[in-house]
Amino acid sequence: MTMLQGAPWLLAHRSMLKPNQPMKVSLYGNDYVLWQDSLGTVSCLPNACPHMGAMLSEGWCIAKSDGSGTVACPFHALEFDSTGCTVLPGANKPTKPLLQPLELIIQENFIWTYGGQEPKIPIPIVLNQIAGEFELIGYTGEFSVKTNLLSMLLNMHDYNHQNGTHRPLFEIEEVQFKQFLDNGHHSHAYFDMPRTQPKLRDLLKKPTLLVLPKVLQVHLENCFPCLVIVHVESPIASIRECHVFVPEASSVTRTYVLMFAKIHHPLAYLIKKKFLPLAEIVVRQDADILEKLYTNTAQHIKLNNEVGIDWVRRNFESFPQVVEPNLSRC
């Protein structure tokens, strides 16, 4: 259960799929090719061509007259439809399915899957709620990090690493923890982070720092194990920075960020795209430190404010059940 089979995973947002262009995704140690046809139908097949194993994601899509699409193998140009069938040279009808499609659950623009496993926990509804109220700015920070899923989640729920890992970006002086609300696989964390006032040269390089206050009031909404949402409120815009996690393999975890905004002031329209590079820097800093950890090291020191880490460990070890203790604290 190191990859929590039976949990839902957000493979992609539709905005990440260009029409009739294959995309490689991985889950549970298996590679797939994902594509969207001209009608908006999303398909997903195992990535290895059943002829000689070429990566279908390195091929191309062929748009049909009815708007549907197939994916073509880059080795011998065999075309596979969404059911995994192909038409062999010299034949006039499709073969039986040669590739087993990965079952997808499409919710508006969100492409979910249980990876062929029996569902054990439901898909969180919070992204649909956000998409109904906020506009999508875009996606960023997509990395395949050489770390296991547990280490990735522990990092994202380590509220003490902000003034270490992310200190160069935000000049955070300390973390002042305020509240943690434990609702099983769903939780909220609230803490303040006083910042050193940025210098003029920093503002010129990163104008989005202009909208950051002297004290960052952080609200993290957590949906175990696939999603962490950073709620950012400012006078000019409300931001929802959605960090997504997918276990590509036992020692590789994919992450990316979907960013949504609600604009309160015209200035935000001018700089909203600037939030994406800022989020990518955060993810890159996390990815960098995660690949420099000795993950088997026994923990002999416990810091204050590790309630998020405790929440992850409890849910990971008891998955899919939620056991005591309840970790809520004020």
C-alpha atoms as a PDB file:
ATOM      1  CA  MET A   1       0.000   0.000   0.000  1.00  0.00           C
ATOM      2  CA  THR A   2       2.956   2.364  -0.407  1.00  0.00           C
ATOM      3  CA  MET A   3       1.115   4.023  -3.296  1.00  0.00           C
ATOM      4  CA  LEU A   4      -2.313   3.912  -1.594  1.00  0.00           C
ATOM      5  CA  GLN A   5      -4.103   1.873  -4.244  1.00  0.00           C
ATOM      6  CA  GLY A   6      -7.805   2.659  -4.172  1.00  0.00           C
ATOM      7  CA  ALA A   7      -7.347   6.422  -3.810  1.00  0.00           C
ATOM      8  CA  PRO A   8      -8.429   8.750  -6.654  1.00  0.00           C
ATOM      9  CA  TRP A   9      -5.692  10.513  -8.639  1.00  0.00           C
ATOM     10  CA  LEU A  10      -6.058  13.602 -10.815  1.00  0.00           C
ATOM     11  CA  LEU A  11      -4.126  12.688 -13.960  1.00  0.00           C
ATOM     12  CA  ALA A  12      -4.671  16.037 -15.665  1.00  0.00           C
ATOM     13  CA  HIS A  13      -6.850  19.064 -16.258  1.00  0.00           C
ATOM     14  CA  ARG A  14      -8.209  19.419 -19.800  1.00  0.00           C
ATOM     15  CA  SER A  15      -6.128  22.560 -20.266  1.00  0.00           C
ATOM     16  CA  MET A  16      -3.026  20.351 -20.081  1.00  0.00           C
ATOM     17  CA  LEU A  17      -4.183  18.340 -23.113  1.00  0.00           C
ATOM     18  CA  LYS A  18      -3.813  19.903 -26.527  1.00  0.00           C
ATOM     19  CA  PRO A  19      -6.395  18.516 -28.995  1.00  0.00           C
ATOM     20  CA  ASN A  20      -5.160  15.442 -30.835  1.00  0.00           C
ATOM     21  CA  GLN A  21      -1.741  15.450 -29.179  1.00  0.00           C
ATOM     22  CA  PRO A  22      -0.671  12.453 -27.079  1.00  0.00           C
ATOM     23  CA  MET A  23       0.567  12.923 -23.523  1.00  0.00           C
ATOM     24  CA  LYS A  24       2.405  10.391 -21.385  1.00  0.00           C
ATOM     25  CA  VAL A  25       1.180   9.799 -17.828  1.00  0.00           C
ATOM     26  CA  SER A  26       2.277   7.202 -15.287  1.00  0.00           C
ATOM     27  CA  LEU A  27       0.551   5.592 -12.328  1.00  0.00           C
ATOM     28  CA  TYR A  28       1.483   2.688 -10.035  1.00  0.00           C
ATOM     29  CA  GLY A  29       4.543   1.860 -12.139  1.00  0.00           C
ATOM     30  CA  ASN A  30       2.567   1.705 -15.404  1.00  0.00           C
ATOM     31  CA  ASP A  31       2.851   4.143 -18.335  1.00  0.00           C
ATOM     32  CA  TYR A  32      -0.152   5.343 -20.336  1.00  0.00           C
ATOM     33  CA  VAL A  33      -0.879   7.560 -23.300  1.00  0.00           C
ATOM     34  CA  LEU A  34      -3.596  10.157 -22.749  1.00  0.00           C
ATOM     35  CA  TRP A  35      -5.212  12.179 -25.520  1.00  0.00           C
ATOM     36  CA  GLN A  36      -8.246  14.349 -26.268  1.00  0.00           C
ATOM     37  CA  ASP A  37      -9.971  14.347 -29.633  1.00  0.00           C
ATOM     38  CA  SER A  38     -11.693  17.238 -31.409  1.00  0.00           C
ATOM     39  CA  LEU A  39     -14.986  16.421 -29.684  1.00  0.00           C
ATOM     40  CA  GLY A  40     -13.399  16.680 -26.247  1.00  0.00           C
ATOM     41  CA  THR A  41     -13.450  12.935 -25.611  1.00  0.00           C
ATOM     42  CA  VAL A  42     -10.481  11.895 -23.464  1.00  0.00           C
ATOM     43  CA  SER A  43      -8.942   8.437 -23.914  1.00  0.00           C
ATOM     44  CA  CYS A  44      -6.199   6.583 -22.093  1.00  0.00           C
ATOM     45  CA  LEU A  45      -4.374   3.400 -23.174  1.00  0.00           C
ATOM     46  CA  PRO A  46      -1.273   1.536 -21.992  1.00  0.00           C
ATOM     47  CA  ASN A  47       1.681   3.302 -23.584  1.00  0.00           C
ATOM     48  CA  ALA A  48       3.424   0.251 -25.079  1.00  0.00           C
ATOM     49  CA  CYS A  49       2.356  -0.687 -28.601  1.00  0.00           C
ATOM     50  CA  PRO A  50       1.368  -4.400 -28.556  1.00  0.00           C
ATOM     51  CA  HIS A  51       3.406  -4.977 -31.728  1.00  0.00           C
ATOM     52  CA  MET A  52       6.991  -4.199 -30.633  1.00  0.00           C
ATOM     53  CA  GLY A  53       6.574  -2.032 -27.553  1.00  0.00           C
ATOM     54  CA  ALA A  54       7.094   1.455 -28.987  1.00  0.00           C
ATOM     55  CA  MET A  55       5.867   4.359 -26.824  1.00  0.00           C
ATOM     56  CA  LEU A  56       2.546   5.498 -28.233  1.00  0.00           C
ATOM     57  CA  SER A  57       2.993   8.851 -26.482  1.00  0.00           C
ATOM     58  CA  GLU A  58       5.911   9.490 -28.858  1.00  0.00           C
ATOM     59  CA  GLY A  59       3.600   9.056 -31.836  1.00  0.00           C
ATOM     60  CA  TRP A  60       0.799  11.318 -33.052  1.00  0.00           C
ATOM     61  CA  CYS A  61      -2.970  11.549 -33.128  1.00  0.00           C
ATOM     62  CA  ILE A  62      -5.097  11.254 -36.244  1.00  0.00           C
ATOM     63  CA  ALA A  63      -8.349  13.220 -36.350  1.00  0.00           C
ATOM     64  CA  LYS A  64     -11.208  11.373 -38.035  1.00  0.00           C
ATOM     65  CA  SER A  65     -13.972  12.949 -40.074  1.00  0.00           C
ATOM     66  CA  ASP A  66     -16.501  12.394 -37.297  1.00  0.00           C
ATOM     67  CA  GLY A  67     -14.321  14.290 -34.789  1.00  0.00           C
ATOM     68  CA  SER A  68     -13.005  11.230 -32.994  1.00  0.00           C
ATOM     69  CA  GLY A  69      -9.293  10.521 -32.862  1.00  0.00           C
ATOM     70  CA  THR A  70      -6.811   7.673 -32.759  1.00  0.00           C
ATOM     71  CA  VAL A  71      -3.240   7.486 -31.553  1.00  0.00           C
ATOM     72  CA  ALA A  72      -0.591   6.288 -34.006  1.00  0.00           C
ATOM     73  CA  CYS A  73       2.491   4.295 -33.084  1.00  0.00           C
ATOM     74  CA  PRO A  74       5.735   6.096 -34.023  1.00  0.00           C
ATOM     75  CA  PHE A  75       7.385   2.811 -35.121  1.00  0.00           C
ATOM     76  CA  HIS A  76       4.997   1.369 -37.736  1.00  0.00           C
ATOM     77  CA  ALA A  77       2.128   3.916 -37.740  1.00  0.00           C
ATOM     78  CA  LEU A  78      -0.453   1.462 -36.409  1.00  0.00           C
ATOM     79  CA  GLU A  79      -3.504   3.404 -35.226  1.00  0.00           C
ATOM     80  CA  PHE A  80      -5.275   2.557 -31.975  1.00  0.00           C
ATOM     81  CA  ASP A  81      -8.732   3.832 -31.084  1.00  0.00           C
ATOM     82  CA  SER A  82     -10.037   4.551 -27.594  1.00  0.00           C
ATOM     83  CA  THR A  83     -10.981   0.886 -27.088  1.00  0.00           C
ATOM     84  CA  GLY A  84      -7.472  -0.372 -27.913  1.00  0.00           C
ATOM     85  CA  CYS A  85      -8.376  -1.763 -31.349  1.00  0.00           C
ATOM     86  CA  THR A  86      -6.344  -1.285 -34.533  1.00  0.00           C
ATOM     87  CA  VAL A  87      -6.671  -2.132 -38.214  1.00  0.00           C
ATOM     88  CA  LEU A  88      -3.769  -4.226 -39.444  1.00  0.00           C
ATOM     89  CA  PRO A  89      -2.279  -3.592 -42.904  1.00  0.00           C
ATOM     90  CA  GLY A  90      -4.250  -5.518 -45.528  1.00  0.00           C
ATOM     91  CA  ALA A  91      -7.266  -5.961 -43.247  1.00  0.00           C
ATOM     92  CA  ASN A  92     -10.581  -4.209 -43.627  1.00  0.00           C
ATOM     93  CA  LYS A  93     -11.895  -4.401 -40.080  1.00  0.00           C
ATOM     94  CA  PRO A  94     -10.580  -3.594 -36.603  1.00  0.00           C
ATOM     95  CA  THR A  95      -8.950  -6.221 -34.437  1.00  0.00           C
ATOM     96  CA  LYS A  96     -10.313  -7.169 -31.051  1.00  0.00           C
ATOM     97  CA  PRO A  97      -9.049  -4.860 -28.265  1.00  0.00           C
ATOM     98  CA  LEU A  98      -5.292  -5.346 -27.935  1.00  0.00           C
ATOM     99  CA  LEU A  99      -4.844  -2.723 -25.197  1.00  0.00           C
ATOM    100  CA  GLN A 100      -6.972  -2.402 -22.066  1.00  0.00           C
ATOM    101  CA  PRO A 101      -8.127   1.234 -21.677  1.00  0.00           C
ATOM    102  CA  LEU A 102      -7.556   2.843 -18.305  1.00  0.00           C
ATOM    103  CA  GLU A 103     -10.898   3.754 -16.773  1.00  0.00           C
ATOM    104  CA  LEU A 104     -11.242   7.522 -16.386  1.00  0.00           C
ATOM    105  CA  ILE A 105     -13.724   9.583 -14.406  1.00  0.00           C
ATOM    106  CA  ILE A 106     -14.251  12.922 -16.128  1.00  0.00           C
ATOM    107  CA  GLN A 107     -15.718  15.689 -13.984  1.00  0.00           C
ATOM    108  CA  GLU A 108     -16.030  18.774 -16.165  1.00  0.00           C
ATOM    109  CA  ASN A 109     -12.355  19.588 -16.886  1.00  0.00           C
ATOM    110  CA  PHE A 110     -10.857  17.268 -14.273  1.00  0.00           C
ATOM    111  CA  ILE A 111      -9.589  13.857 -15.390  1.00  0.00           C
ATOM    112  CA  TRP A 112      -9.557  11.385 -12.492  1.00  0.00           C
ATOM    113  CA  THR A 113      -8.764   7.690 -12.250  1.00  0.00           C
ATOM    114  CA  TYR A 114      -8.486   4.958  -9.643  1.00  0.00           C
ATOM    115  CA  GLY A 115      -5.802   3.292 -11.753  1.00  0.00           C
ATOM    116  CA  GLY A 116      -7.853   0.162 -12.338  1.00  0.00           C
ATOM    117  CA  GLN A 117      -8.187  -0.419  -8.586  1.00  0.00           C
ATOM    118  CA  GLU A 118     -11.354  -0.748  -6.537  1.00  0.00           C
ATOM    119  CA  PRO A 119     -12.279   2.707  -5.198  1.00  0.00           C
ATOM    120  CA  LYS A 120     -11.729   2.976  -1.456  1.00  0.00           C
ATOM    121  CA  ILE A 121     -12.317   6.684  -0.859  1.00  0.00           C
ATOM    122  CA  PRO A 122     -14.371   9.192  -2.896  1.00  0.00           C
ATOM    123  CA  ILE A 123     -13.102  11.855  -5.264  1.00  0.00           C
ATOM    124  CA  PRO A 124     -12.938  15.196  -3.406  1.00  0.00           C
ATOM    125  CA  ILE A 125     -15.517  17.701  -4.624  1.00  0.00           C
ATOM    126  CA  VAL A 126     -13.559  20.815  -3.702  1.00  0.00           C
ATOM    127  CA  LEU A 127     -12.009  21.308  -7.164  1.00  0.00           C
ATOM    128  CA  ASN A 128     -15.448  21.404  -8.774  1.00  0.00           C
ATOM    129  CA  GLN A 129     -16.491  24.021  -6.226  1.00  0.00           C
ATOM    130  CA  ILE A 130     -13.410  26.119  -6.942  1.00  0.00           C
ATOM    131  CA  ALA A 131     -13.882  25.853 -10.718  1.00  0.00           C
ATOM    132  CA  GLY A 132     -17.457  27.074 -10.305  1.00  0.00           C
ATOM    133  CA  GLU A 133     -16.389  30.277  -8.543  1.00  0.00           C
ATOM    134  CA  PHE A 134     -12.876  31.032  -9.835  1.00  0.00           C
ATOM    135  CA  GLU A 135     -11.294  31.347 -13.273  1.00  0.00           C
ATOM    136  CA  LEU A 136      -8.402  29.100 -14.232  1.00  0.00           C
ATOM    137  CA  ILE A 137      -5.142  31.017 -14.568  1.00  0.00           C
ATOM    138  CA  GLY A 138      -3.239  27.943 -15.757  1.00  0.00           C
ATOM    139  CA  TYR A 139      -1.069  25.101 -14.599  1.00  0.00           C
ATOM    140  CA  THR A 140       2.603  25.026 -13.647  1.00  0.00           C
ATOM    141  CA  GLY A 141       5.241  23.249 -11.606  1.00  0.00           C
ATOM    142  CA  GLU A 142       4.877  19.840 -13.239  1.00  0.00           C
ATOM    143  CA  PHE A 143       7.710  17.571 -12.085  1.00  0.00           C
ATOM    144  CA  SER A 144       8.342  13.867 -11.654  1.00  0.00           C
ATOM    145  CA  VAL A 145      10.181  13.927  -8.339  1.00  0.00           C
ATOM    146  CA  LYS A 146      12.422  11.037  -7.328  1.00  0.00           C
ATOM    147  CA  THR A 147      10.709  10.493  -4.013  1.00  0.00           C
ATOM    148  CA  ASN A 148       8.028   8.187  -2.684  1.00  0.00           C
ATOM    149  CA  LEU A 149       4.475   9.327  -2.109  1.00  0.00           C
ATOM    150  CA  LEU A 150       4.779   9.378   1.684  1.00  0.00           C
ATOM    151  CA  SER A 151       7.831  11.654   1.611  1.00  0.00           C
ATOM    152  CA  MET A 152       6.061  13.998  -0.807  1.00  0.00           C
ATOM    153  CA  LEU A 153       3.019  14.254   1.447  1.00  0.00           C
ATOM    154  CA  LEU A 154       5.089  14.694   4.602  1.00  0.00           C
ATOM    155  CA  ASN A 155       6.909  17.602   2.944  1.00  0.00           C
ATOM    156  CA  MET A 156       3.669  19.283   1.892  1.00  0.00           C
ATOM    157  CA  HIS A 157       2.308  19.012   5.439  1.00  0.00           C
ATOM    158  CA  ASP A 158       5.527  20.047   7.183  1.00  0.00           C
ATOM    159  CA  TYR A 159       4.611  23.543   8.289  1.00  0.00           C
ATOM    160  CA  ASN A 160       8.088  24.196   9.658  1.00  0.00           C
ATOM    161  CA  HIS A 161       9.866  23.904   6.309  1.00  0.00           C
ATOM    162  CA  GLN A 162       8.490  27.206   5.023  1.00  0.00           C
ATOM    163  CA  ASN A 163      11.223  29.253   6.704  1.00  0.00           C
ATOM    164  CA  GLY A 164      13.912  26.857   5.516  1.00  0.00           C
ATOM    165  CA  THR A 165      13.140  25.477   2.054  1.00  0.00           C
ATOM    166  CA  HIS A 166      11.235  28.599   0.917  1.00  0.00           C
ATOM    167  CA  ARG A 167      13.131  31.223   2.898  1.00  0.00           C
ATOM    168  CA  PRO A 168      15.047  32.605  -0.137  1.00  0.00           C
ATOM    169  CA  LEU A 169      11.789  33.218  -1.998  1.00  0.00           C
ATOM    170  CA  PHE A 170       9.577  34.781   0.642  1.00  0.00           C
ATOM    171  CA  GLU A 171      12.141  35.788   3.322  1.00  0.00           C
ATOM    172  CA  ILE A 172      10.014  34.099   5.967  1.00  0.00           C
ATOM    173  CA  GLU A 173      11.197  34.808   9.499  1.00  0.00           C
ATOM    174  CA  GLU A 174       9.157  32.246  11.440  1.00  0.00           C
ATOM    175  CA  VAL A 175       6.002  30.121  11.410  1.00  0.00           C
ATOM    176  CA  GLN A 176       3.315  31.004  13.953  1.00  0.00           C
ATOM    177  CA  PHE A 177       0.923  28.070  14.035  1.00  0.00           C
ATOM    178  CA  LYS A 178      -2.708  28.880  14.855  1.00  0.00           C
ATOM    179  CA  GLN A 179      -5.177  26.060  14.152  1.00  0.00           C
ATOM    180  CA  PHE A 180      -5.598  22.583  12.681  1.00  0.00           C
ATOM    181  CA  LEU A 181      -9.015  21.093  11.915  1.00  0.00           C
ATOM    182  CA  ASP A 182      -8.983  17.319  11.441  1.00  0.00           C
ATOM    183  CA  ASN A 183     -11.948  15.900   9.519  1.00  0.00           C
ATOM    184  CA  GLY A 184     -10.487  12.506   8.656  1.00  0.00           C
ATOM    185  CA  HIS A 185      -9.170  12.577   5.099  1.00  0.00           C
ATOM    186  CA  HIS A 186      -9.987  16.294   4.905  1.00  0.00           C
ATOM    187  CA  SER A 187      -8.295  18.945   7.033  1.00  0.00           C
ATOM    188  CA  HIS A 188      -7.519  22.651   7.312  1.00  0.00           C
ATOM    189  CA  ALA A 189      -4.350  24.253   8.673  1.00  0.00           C
ATOM    190  CA  TYR A 190      -3.941  27.920   9.581  1.00  0.00           C
ATOM    191  CA  PHE A 191      -0.688  29.680  10.430  1.00  0.00           C
ATOM    192  CA  ASP A 192       0.993  33.066  10.057  1.00  0.00           C
ATOM    193  CA  MET A 193       4.427  33.693   8.559  1.00  0.00           C
ATOM    194  CA  PRO A 194       6.035  37.106   9.196  1.00  0.00           C
ATOM    195  CA  ARG A 195       8.278  38.165   6.305  1.00  0.00           C
ATOM    196  CA  THR A 196      11.341  40.344   5.949  1.00  0.00           C
ATOM    197  CA  GLN A 197      10.402  43.351   3.839  1.00  0.00           C
ATOM    198  CA  PRO A 198      11.622  42.702   0.250  1.00  0.00           C
ATOM    199  CA  LYS A 199      14.220  44.984  -1.282  1.00  0.00           C
ATOM    200  CA  LEU A 200      13.540  47.026  -4.406  1.00  0.00           C
ATOM    201  CA  ARG A 201      15.615  44.689  -6.599  1.00  0.00           C
ATOM    202  CA  ASP A 202      13.518  41.754  -5.381  1.00  0.00           C
ATOM    203  CA  LEU A 203      10.305  43.563  -6.276  1.00  0.00           C
ATOM    204  CA  LEU A 204      11.619  44.367  -9.749  1.00  0.00           C
ATOM    205  CA  LYS A 205      12.421  40.686 -10.335  1.00  0.00           C
ATOM    206  CA  LYS A 206       9.178  39.374  -8.806  1.00  0.00           C
ATOM    207  CA  PRO A 207       6.404  41.999  -8.977  1.00  0.00           C
ATOM    208  CA  THR A 208       3.932  39.530  -7.428  1.00  0.00           C
ATOM    209  CA  LEU A 209       5.725  40.152  -4.123  1.00  0.00           C
ATOM    210  CA  LEU A 210       3.919  43.503  -4.149  1.00  0.00           C
ATOM    211  CA  VAL A 211       0.642  41.782  -3.261  1.00  0.00           C
ATOM    212  CA  LEU A 212       2.166  39.789  -0.403  1.00  0.00           C
ATOM    213  CA  PRO A 213       1.642  41.361   3.014  1.00  0.00           C
ATOM    214  CA  LYS A 214       4.237  41.718   5.765  1.00  0.00           C
ATOM    215  CA  VAL A 215       2.634  38.703   7.479  1.00  0.00           C
ATOM    216  CA  LEU A 216       1.444  35.847   5.273  1.00  0.00           C
ATOM    217  CA  GLN A 217      -1.769  34.450   6.702  1.00  0.00           C
ATOM    218  CA  VAL A 218      -1.780  30.896   5.378  1.00  0.00           C
ATOM    219  CA  HIS A 219      -4.789  28.626   4.997  1.00  0.00           C
ATOM    220  CA  LEU A 220      -4.119  25.142   3.649  1.00  0.00           C
ATOM    221  CA  GLU A 221      -7.002  22.851   2.740  1.00  0.00           C
ATOM    222  CA  ASN A 222      -5.902  19.231   2.509  1.00  0.00           C
ATOM    223  CA  CYS A 223      -7.590  16.317   0.732  1.00  0.00           C
ATOM    224  CA  PHE A 224      -5.676  13.157   1.555  1.00  0.00           C
ATOM    225  CA  PRO A 225      -3.761  11.906  -0.342  1.00  0.00           C
ATOM    226  CA  CYS A 226      -4.028  13.678  -3.677  1.00  0.00           C
ATOM    227  CA  LEU A 227      -4.466  17.395  -3.119  1.00  0.00           C
ATOM    228  CA  VAL A 228      -3.350  20.426  -1.076  1.00  0.00           C
ATOM    229  CA  ILE A 229      -5.035  23.772  -1.738  1.00  0.00           C
ATOM    230  CA  VAL A 230      -3.370  27.022  -0.707  1.00  0.00           C
ATOM    231  CA  HIS A 231      -5.987  29.742  -0.046  1.00  0.00           C
ATOM    232  CA  VAL A 232      -4.510  33.179  -0.724  1.00  0.00           C
ATOM    233  CA  GLU A 233      -6.530  36.310   0.010  1.00  0.00           C
ATOM    234  CA  SER A 234      -5.428  39.838  -0.886  1.00  0.00           C
ATOM    235  CA  PRO A 235      -7.214  43.125  -1.627  1.00  0.00           C
ATOM    236  CA  ILE A 236      -6.736  42.660  -5.368  1.00  0.00           C
ATOM    237  CA  ALA A 237      -7.417  38.939  -5.822  1.00  0.00           C
ATOM    238  CA  SER A 238      -8.342  35.649  -4.208  1.00  0.00           C
ATOM    239  CA  ILE A 239      -6.115  32.783  -5.330  1.00  0.00           C
ATOM    240  CA  ARG A 240      -6.570  29.034  -5.053  1.00  0.00           C
ATOM    241  CA  GLU A 241      -3.259  27.275  -5.639  1.00  0.00           C
ATOM    242  CA  CYS A 242      -4.046  23.567  -6.007  1.00  0.00           C
ATOM    243  CA  HIS A 243      -1.080  21.208  -5.570  1.00  0.00           C
ATOM    244  CA  VAL A 244      -1.733  17.781  -7.099  1.00  0.00           C
ATOM    245  CA  PHE A 245       0.118  14.510  -6.379  1.00  0.00           C
ATOM    246  CA  VAL A 246       0.193  11.295  -8.436  1.00  0.00           C
ATOM    247  CA  PRO A 247       2.267   8.192  -7.494  1.00  0.00           C
ATOM    248  CA  GLU A 248       3.965   7.358 -10.783  1.00  0.00           C
ATOM    249  CA  ALA A 249       5.970   4.538  -9.199  1.00  0.00           C
ATOM    250  CA  SER A 250       7.013   3.431  -5.712  1.00  0.00           C
ATOM    251  CA  SER A 251       9.931   5.901  -5.741  1.00  0.00           C
ATOM    252  CA  VAL A 252       8.646   8.587  -8.140  1.00  0.00           C
ATOM    253  CA  THR A 253       5.832  11.045  -7.450  1.00  0.00           C
ATOM    254  CA  ARG A 254       4.477  13.493  -9.991  1.00  0.00           C
ATOM    255  CA  THR A 255       3.293  16.886  -8.859  1.00  0.00           C
ATOM    256  CA  TYR A 256       1.826  19.946 -10.559  1.00  0.00           C
ATOM    257  CA  VAL A 257      -0.184  23.037  -9.659  1.00  0.00           C
ATOM    258  CA  LEU A 258      -3.541  24.233 -10.967  1.00  0.00           C
ATOM    259  CA  MET A 259      -4.099  27.903 -10.175  1.00  0.00           C
ATOM    260  CA  PHE A 260      -7.454  29.658 -10.017  1.00  0.00           C
ATOM    261  CA  ALA A 261      -8.232  33.323  -9.292  1.00  0.00           C
ATOM    262  CA  LYS A 262     -11.098  35.632  -8.445  1.00  0.00           C
ATOM    263  CA  ILE A 263     -10.168  39.187  -9.393  1.00  0.00           C
ATOM    264  CA  HIS A 264     -11.087  42.051  -7.031  1.00  0.00           C
ATOM    265  CA  HIS A 265      -9.021  44.880  -8.567  1.00  0.00           C
ATOM    266  CA  PRO A 266      -7.966  45.703 -12.162  1.00  0.00           C
ATOM    267  CA  LEU A 267      -4.294  45.532 -11.128  1.00  0.00           C
ATOM    268  CA  ALA A 268      -4.684  41.778 -10.675  1.00  0.00           C
ATOM    269  CA  TYR A 269      -5.449  41.346 -14.393  1.00  0.00           C
ATOM    270  CA  LEU A 270      -2.021  42.770 -15.193  1.00  0.00           C
ATOM    271  CA  ILE A 271      -0.056  40.446 -12.927  1.00  0.00           C
ATOM    272  CA  LYS A 272      -2.210  37.299 -12.563  1.00  0.00           C
ATOM    273  CA  LYS A 273      -0.024  35.302 -14.953  1.00  0.00           C
ATOM    274  CA  LYS A 274       2.971  36.221 -12.784  1.00  0.00           C
ATOM    275  CA  PHE A 275       1.607  33.986 -10.046  1.00  0.00           C
ATOM    276  CA  LEU A 276       2.379  30.882 -12.129  1.00  0.00           C
ATOM    277  CA  PRO A 277       6.197  31.343 -12.176  1.00  0.00           C
ATOM    278  CA  LEU A 278       6.089  32.060  -8.446  1.00  0.00           C
ATOM    279  CA  ALA A 279       4.240  28.794  -7.799  1.00  0.00           C
ATOM    280  CA  GLU A 280       6.701  26.912 -10.012  1.00  0.00           C
ATOM    281  CA  ILE A 281       9.618  28.204  -7.956  1.00  0.00           C
ATOM    282  CA  VAL A 282       7.916  26.883  -4.799  1.00  0.00           C
ATOM    283  CA  VAL A 283       7.398  23.439  -6.349  1.00  0.00           C
ATOM    284  CA  ARG A 284      10.941  23.388  -7.709  1.00  0.00           C
ATOM    285  CA  GLN A 285      12.335  24.195  -4.264  1.00  0.00           C
ATOM    286  CA  ASP A 286      10.281  21.365  -2.745  1.00  0.00           C
ATOM    287  CA  ALA A 287      11.350  18.948  -5.473  1.00  0.00           C
ATOM    288  CA  ASP A 288      14.982  19.874  -4.980  1.00  0.00           C
ATOM    289  CA  ILE A 289      15.014  19.264  -1.229  1.00  0.00           C
ATOM    290  CA  LEU A 290      13.015  16.029  -1.546  1.00  0.00           C
ATOM    291  CA  GLU A 291      15.675  14.576  -3.828  1.00  0.00           C
ATOM    292  CA  LYS A 292      18.326  15.424  -1.229  1.00  0.00           C
ATOM    293  CA  LEU A 293      16.809  13.561   1.724  1.00  0.00           C
ATOM    294  CA  TYR A 294      17.922  10.295   3.318  1.00  0.00           C
ATOM    295  CA  THR A 295      14.342   9.085   3.581  1.00  0.00           C
ATOM    296  CA  ASN A 296      15.209   6.044   5.717  1.00  0.00           C
ATOM    297  CA  THR A 297      16.704   8.178   8.488  1.00  0.00           C
ATOM    298  CA  ALA A 298      15.035   7.608  11.863  1.00  0.00           C
ATOM    299  CA  GLN A 299      13.448  10.776  13.266  1.00  0.00           C
ATOM    300  CA  HIS A 300      15.041  11.557  16.648  1.00  0.00           C
ATOM    301  CA  ILE A 301      13.886  15.186  16.789  1.00  0.00           C
ATOM    302  CA  LYS A 302      10.296  16.414  16.826  1.00  0.00           C
ATOM    303  CA  LEU A 303       9.593  20.087  16.195  1.00  0.00           C
ATOM    304  CA  ASN A 304       6.595  22.145  17.192  1.00  0.00           C
ATOM    305  CA  ASN A 305       3.709  22.319  14.747  1.00  0.00           C
ATOM    306  CA  GLU A 306       4.164  18.796  13.290  1.00  0.00           C
ATOM    307  CA  VAL A 307       0.450  18.115  13.484  1.00  0.00           C
ATOM    308  CA  GLY A 308       0.231  18.030   9.669  1.00  0.00           C
ATOM    309  CA  ILE A 309       2.951  15.380   9.560  1.00  0.00           C
ATOM    310  CA  ASP A 310       1.116  13.378  12.228  1.00  0.00           C
ATOM    311  CA  TRP A 311      -2.092  13.664  10.177  1.00  0.00           C
ATOM    312  CA  VAL A 312      -0.356  12.298   7.068  1.00  0.00           C
ATOM    313  CA  ARG A 313       1.257   9.402   8.941  1.00  0.00           C
ATOM    314  CA  ARG A 314      -1.997   8.419  10.634  1.00  0.00           C
ATOM    315  CA  ASN A 315      -3.978   8.440   7.385  1.00  0.00           C
ATOM    316  CA  PHE A 316      -1.215   6.706   5.437  1.00  0.00           C
ATOM    317  CA  GLU A 317      -0.822   3.886   7.960  1.00  0.00           C
ATOM    318  CA  SER A 318      -4.561   3.280   8.421  1.00  0.00           C
ATOM    319  CA  PHE A 319      -5.677   3.847   4.814  1.00  0.00           C
ATOM    320  CA  PRO A 320      -8.507   3.718   3.819  1.00  0.00           C
ATOM    321  CA  GLN A 321      -9.863   3.869   7.379  1.00  0.00           C
ATOM    322  CA  VAL A 322      -9.506   6.901   9.616  1.00  0.00           C
ATOM    323  CA  VAL A 323      -8.494   6.027  13.167  1.00  0.00           C
ATOM    324  CA  GLU A 324      -7.980   7.915  16.401  1.00  0.00           C
ATOM    325  CA  PRO A 325      -6.660  10.229  17.559  1.00  0.00           C
ATOM    326  CA  ASN A 326      -8.416  13.231  16.137  1.00  0.00           C
ATOM    327  CA  LEU A 327      -5.636  15.794  15.682  1.00  0.00           C
ATOM    328  CA  SER A 328      -7.673  19.002  15.776  1.00  0.00           C
ATOM    329  CA  ARG A 329      -6.037  21.764  17.775  1.00  0.00           C
ATOM    330  CA  CYS A 330      -6.523  25.470  18.266  1.00  0.00           C
END
